[in-house]
Amino acid sequence: MPATIGIYQAYGGTDANPASESTDLSSDSTRLQTKDQYNKTDTTYPIPIPASGQYNYSYWIHVYLKITGGSFKKVNNIRFYSDGAIGWNFGTGGGLYRGNRDSGDKGVPMNTEYDVATGTEGTTGHEIGVAVNGHDYFNAQSTKTASVASDTSASKATIDSTDHETTGLCKAVVLQVKVASDGTQGEQVDEILTFMYDEI
């Protein structure tokens, strides 16, 4: 029997200790918004279009694989990608980004480096890469974020190269939306993001 693996979003809690996690998102969805929560149907915390020359951000989210059972020897080489064409109008300089490391795995170790998302609810989250209030696992890197549109099936981001031999949490990709003043207001179309992994 292969490993039983789900996709989850963590939220709340304190740094290095999330309080809650979503339902399994393997065949479900989430919503990027200006509040640290998992609620795919709540539309009361959108990302407002900012004033000219400024940007607003969603609160960042940690999305990860969790191994819950099955008969397996090892799960590793966890990669992440999109179709390369995020169909959202973010405006000039906007986009869907993930936290990035200059070398090694791009994912956050959930048991030690989780960082609670903060910001001004209903207005903007703190940018992943800023020195103050940014995500501590990424904001000291020279390239702090990367566009998810650049993570494609031909150029996947390695999130977790660890050999997982027991059940538990894998490293998380950290996602955030950046919206410019010329972005399009309103709910955007659904996007499919993919995890891939090796198992023996």
Protein backbone atom coordinates (compact mmCIF):
# COMPACT_ATOMS: atom_id res chain seq x y z
CA MET A 1 0.00 0.00 0.00
CA PRO A 2 1.52 3.36 -0.98
CA ALA A 3 1.95 6.26 1.41
CA THR A 4 -1.21 8.15 2.35
CA ILE A 5 -0.43 11.80 1.71
CA GLY A 6 -2.62 14.91 1.90
CA ILE A 7 -2.12 18.61 1.18
CA TYR A 8 -2.75 21.03 4.04
CA GLN A 9 -2.59 24.72 4.94
CA ALA A 10 -1.40 25.79 8.39
CA TYR A 11 -2.56 28.97 10.13
CA GLY A 12 -2.68 30.71 13.48
CA GLY A 13 -0.61 29.81 16.51
CA THR A 14 2.85 31.12 17.24
CA ASP A 15 6.13 31.06 15.31
CA ALA A 16 7.26 27.42 14.84
CA ASN A 17 3.91 26.16 16.16
CA PRO A 18 0.82 26.52 13.94
CA ALA A 19 -2.47 26.28 15.79
CA SER A 20 -4.64 24.78 13.08
CA GLU A 21 -4.64 23.20 9.67
CA SER A 22 -7.13 23.05 6.84
CA THR A 23 -9.00 20.04 5.59
CA ASP A 24 -7.12 17.97 2.99
CA LEU A 25 -6.76 20.20 -0.08
CA SER A 26 -5.79 17.38 -2.46
CA SER A 27 -9.13 17.73 -4.22
CA ASP A 28 -10.25 21.00 -2.62
CA SER A 29 -9.21 24.66 -2.64
CA THR A 30 -8.04 27.57 -0.51
CA ARG A 31 -8.24 31.35 -0.78
CA LEU A 32 -5.49 33.96 -0.52
CA GLN A 33 -6.85 36.83 1.55
CA THR A 34 -5.94 39.56 4.04
CA LYS A 35 -6.46 37.46 7.16
CA ASP A 36 -4.53 34.57 8.71
CA GLN A 37 -7.18 31.88 8.37
CA TYR A 38 -8.29 28.99 6.23
CA ASN A 39 -11.73 29.75 4.83
CA LYS A 40 -12.22 29.12 1.14
CA THR A 41 -15.69 30.70 1.05
CA ASP A 42 -15.07 33.86 3.12
CA THR A 43 -14.97 36.88 0.80
CA THR A 44 -14.84 39.54 3.54
CA TYR A 45 -11.04 39.85 3.47
CA PRO A 46 -10.12 40.57 -0.16
CA ILE A 47 -6.86 42.21 -1.23
CA PRO A 48 -7.84 45.83 -1.99
CA ILE A 49 -6.46 47.62 -5.02
CA PRO A 50 -3.86 50.04 -3.55
CA ALA A 51 -3.16 53.67 -4.33
CA SER A 52 -0.97 54.50 -7.31
CA GLY A 53 2.64 53.45 -6.87
CA GLN A 54 1.88 51.10 -3.98
CA TYR A 55 1.24 47.38 -3.48
CA ASN A 56 -1.04 45.36 -1.26
CA TYR A 57 -0.36 41.76 -0.29
CA SER A 58 -2.31 38.76 0.87
CA TYR A 59 -1.30 37.22 4.17
CA TRP A 60 1.20 34.50 3.28
CA ILE A 61 0.09 30.88 3.59
CA HIS A 62 2.06 27.70 4.35
CA VAL A 63 0.97 24.74 2.20
CA TYR A 64 2.58 21.35 2.74
CA LEU A 65 2.28 17.61 2.31
CA LYS A 66 1.46 15.49 5.36
CA ILE A 67 2.15 11.76 5.39
CA THR A 68 -0.50 10.06 7.51
CA GLY A 69 -0.03 6.34 6.83
CA GLY A 70 0.58 3.59 4.32
CA SER A 71 3.35 1.07 3.80
CA PHE A 72 6.33 2.91 2.35
CA LYS A 73 10.07 3.01 2.80
CA LYS A 74 10.74 6.58 1.84
CA VAL A 75 9.07 9.74 0.46
CA ASN A 76 11.33 12.49 -0.86
CA ASN A 77 12.10 14.93 -3.70
CA ILE A 78 8.92 16.97 -3.16
CA ARG A 79 8.51 19.48 -5.98
CA PHE A 80 5.98 22.21 -6.72
CA TYR A 81 4.81 23.84 -9.95
CA SER A 82 2.05 25.70 -11.80
CA ASP A 83 0.93 25.65 -15.43
CA GLY A 84 3.09 28.73 -16.02
CA ALA A 85 0.16 31.01 -16.78
CA ILE A 86 -1.47 32.32 -13.61
CA GLY A 87 -4.69 33.81 -14.95
CA TRP A 88 -5.04 36.63 -12.45
CA ASN A 89 -4.63 40.33 -13.29
CA PHE A 90 -2.34 41.54 -10.50
CA GLY A 91 -1.32 44.77 -12.23
CA THR A 92 2.17 45.97 -13.09
CA GLY A 93 4.76 44.31 -10.86
CA GLY A 94 2.19 42.15 -9.11
CA GLY A 95 1.98 38.37 -9.11
CA LEU A 96 1.67 35.14 -7.17
CA TYR A 97 4.94 34.53 -5.36
CA ARG A 98 6.49 31.91 -3.12
CA GLY A 99 9.20 32.27 -0.52
CA ASN A 100 12.63 31.51 -1.97
CA ARG A 101 16.02 30.43 -0.67
CA ASP A 102 19.33 31.20 -2.38
CA SER A 103 20.31 27.52 -2.23
CA GLY A 104 18.85 24.20 -1.14
CA ASP A 105 15.19 23.41 -0.55
CA LYS A 106 12.73 26.24 -1.11
CA GLY A 107 10.33 24.93 1.54
CA VAL A 108 9.95 25.85 5.21
CA PRO A 109 10.58 23.17 7.88
CA MET A 110 7.18 23.21 9.56
CA ASN A 111 8.36 22.06 12.99
CA THR A 112 11.01 24.75 13.41
CA GLU A 113 10.59 27.61 10.92
CA TYR A 114 6.85 28.20 10.58
CA ASP A 115 6.18 31.95 10.81
CA VAL A 116 2.73 33.35 11.62
CA ALA A 117 1.32 35.59 8.88
CA THR A 118 0.65 39.17 9.99
CA GLY A 119 -0.51 42.46 8.54
CA THR A 120 -3.52 44.76 8.65
CA GLU A 121 -6.64 42.63 8.29
CA GLY A 122 -8.75 43.64 5.32
CA THR A 123 -5.98 45.80 3.82
CA THR A 124 -2.63 44.05 3.36
CA GLY A 125 -0.36 41.38 4.71
CA HIS A 126 3.31 41.97 5.43
CA GLU A 127 5.52 41.20 2.45
CA ILE A 128 7.49 37.95 2.75
CA GLY A 129 10.81 39.62 2.03
CA VAL A 130 10.74 42.74 4.22
CA ALA A 131 13.30 42.95 7.03
CA VAL A 132 10.76 43.87 9.71
CA ASN A 133 7.62 41.67 9.91
CA GLY A 134 8.65 39.58 6.90
CA HIS A 135 9.02 35.80 6.95
CA ASP A 136 12.17 35.03 8.96
CA TYR A 137 13.06 32.01 6.84
CA PHE A 138 13.26 34.06 3.64
CA ASN A 139 13.84 37.73 4.40
CA ALA A 140 17.63 37.41 4.82
CA GLN A 141 18.08 35.75 1.42
CA SER A 142 19.37 37.72 -1.57
CA THR A 143 16.44 36.46 -3.69
CA LYS A 144 13.61 36.40 -1.18
CA THR A 145 10.71 35.41 -3.44
CA ALA A 146 10.14 33.76 -6.81
CA SER A 147 7.21 33.95 -9.19
CA VAL A 148 5.02 30.86 -9.10
CA ALA A 149 4.43 31.34 -12.83
CA SER A 150 8.12 30.45 -13.30
CA ASP A 151 7.62 27.14 -11.48
CA THR A 152 6.48 24.90 -14.34
CA SER A 153 6.48 21.19 -15.13
CA ALA A 154 9.77 21.79 -16.95
CA SER A 155 11.26 23.85 -14.10
CA LYS A 156 9.82 22.62 -10.80
CA ALA A 157 10.76 24.16 -7.44
CA THR A 158 12.26 21.63 -5.02
CA ILE A 159 10.40 22.18 -1.77
CA ASP A 160 11.71 19.26 0.29
CA SER A 161 14.56 16.87 -0.53
CA THR A 162 14.45 15.21 2.90
CA ASP A 163 14.03 11.43 3.15
CA HIS A 164 10.73 10.99 5.03
CA GLU A 165 10.62 7.45 6.41
CA THR A 166 7.76 7.91 8.90
CA THR A 167 4.48 9.82 9.03
CA GLY A 168 4.50 13.57 9.66
CA LEU A 169 4.71 17.00 8.09
CA CYS A 170 6.90 17.80 5.10
CA LYS A 171 8.34 21.23 4.32
CA ALA A 172 5.88 23.90 3.17
CA VAL A 173 5.77 26.18 0.17
CA VAL A 174 4.89 29.71 1.33
CA LEU A 175 2.60 31.60 -1.05
CA GLN A 176 1.59 35.26 -1.28
CA VAL A 177 -0.26 37.48 -3.77
CA LYS A 178 1.05 40.96 -4.61
CA VAL A 179 -1.44 43.42 -6.16
CA ALA A 180 -0.62 46.72 -7.90
CA SER A 181 -2.76 49.83 -8.35
CA ASP A 182 -3.66 48.84 -11.92
CA GLY A 183 -4.77 45.34 -10.93
CA THR A 184 -8.29 44.14 -11.70
CA GLN A 185 -10.79 44.21 -8.86
CA GLY A 186 -12.97 41.18 -8.19
CA GLU A 187 -12.75 37.46 -7.60
CA GLN A 188 -10.25 35.73 -9.87
CA VAL A 189 -10.48 32.36 -11.62
CA ASP A 190 -9.32 29.19 -9.85
CA GLU A 191 -5.74 28.07 -10.44
CA ILE A 192 -4.32 24.55 -10.11
CA LEU A 193 -0.99 24.19 -8.31
CA THR A 194 0.73 20.80 -8.21
CA PHE A 195 2.97 18.86 -5.84
CA MET A 196 5.05 15.92 -7.09
CA TYR A 197 7.11 13.52 -5.02
CA ASP A 198 9.09 10.28 -5.20
CA GLU A 199 8.20 7.22 -3.16
CA ILE A 200 9.72 3.80 -2.58
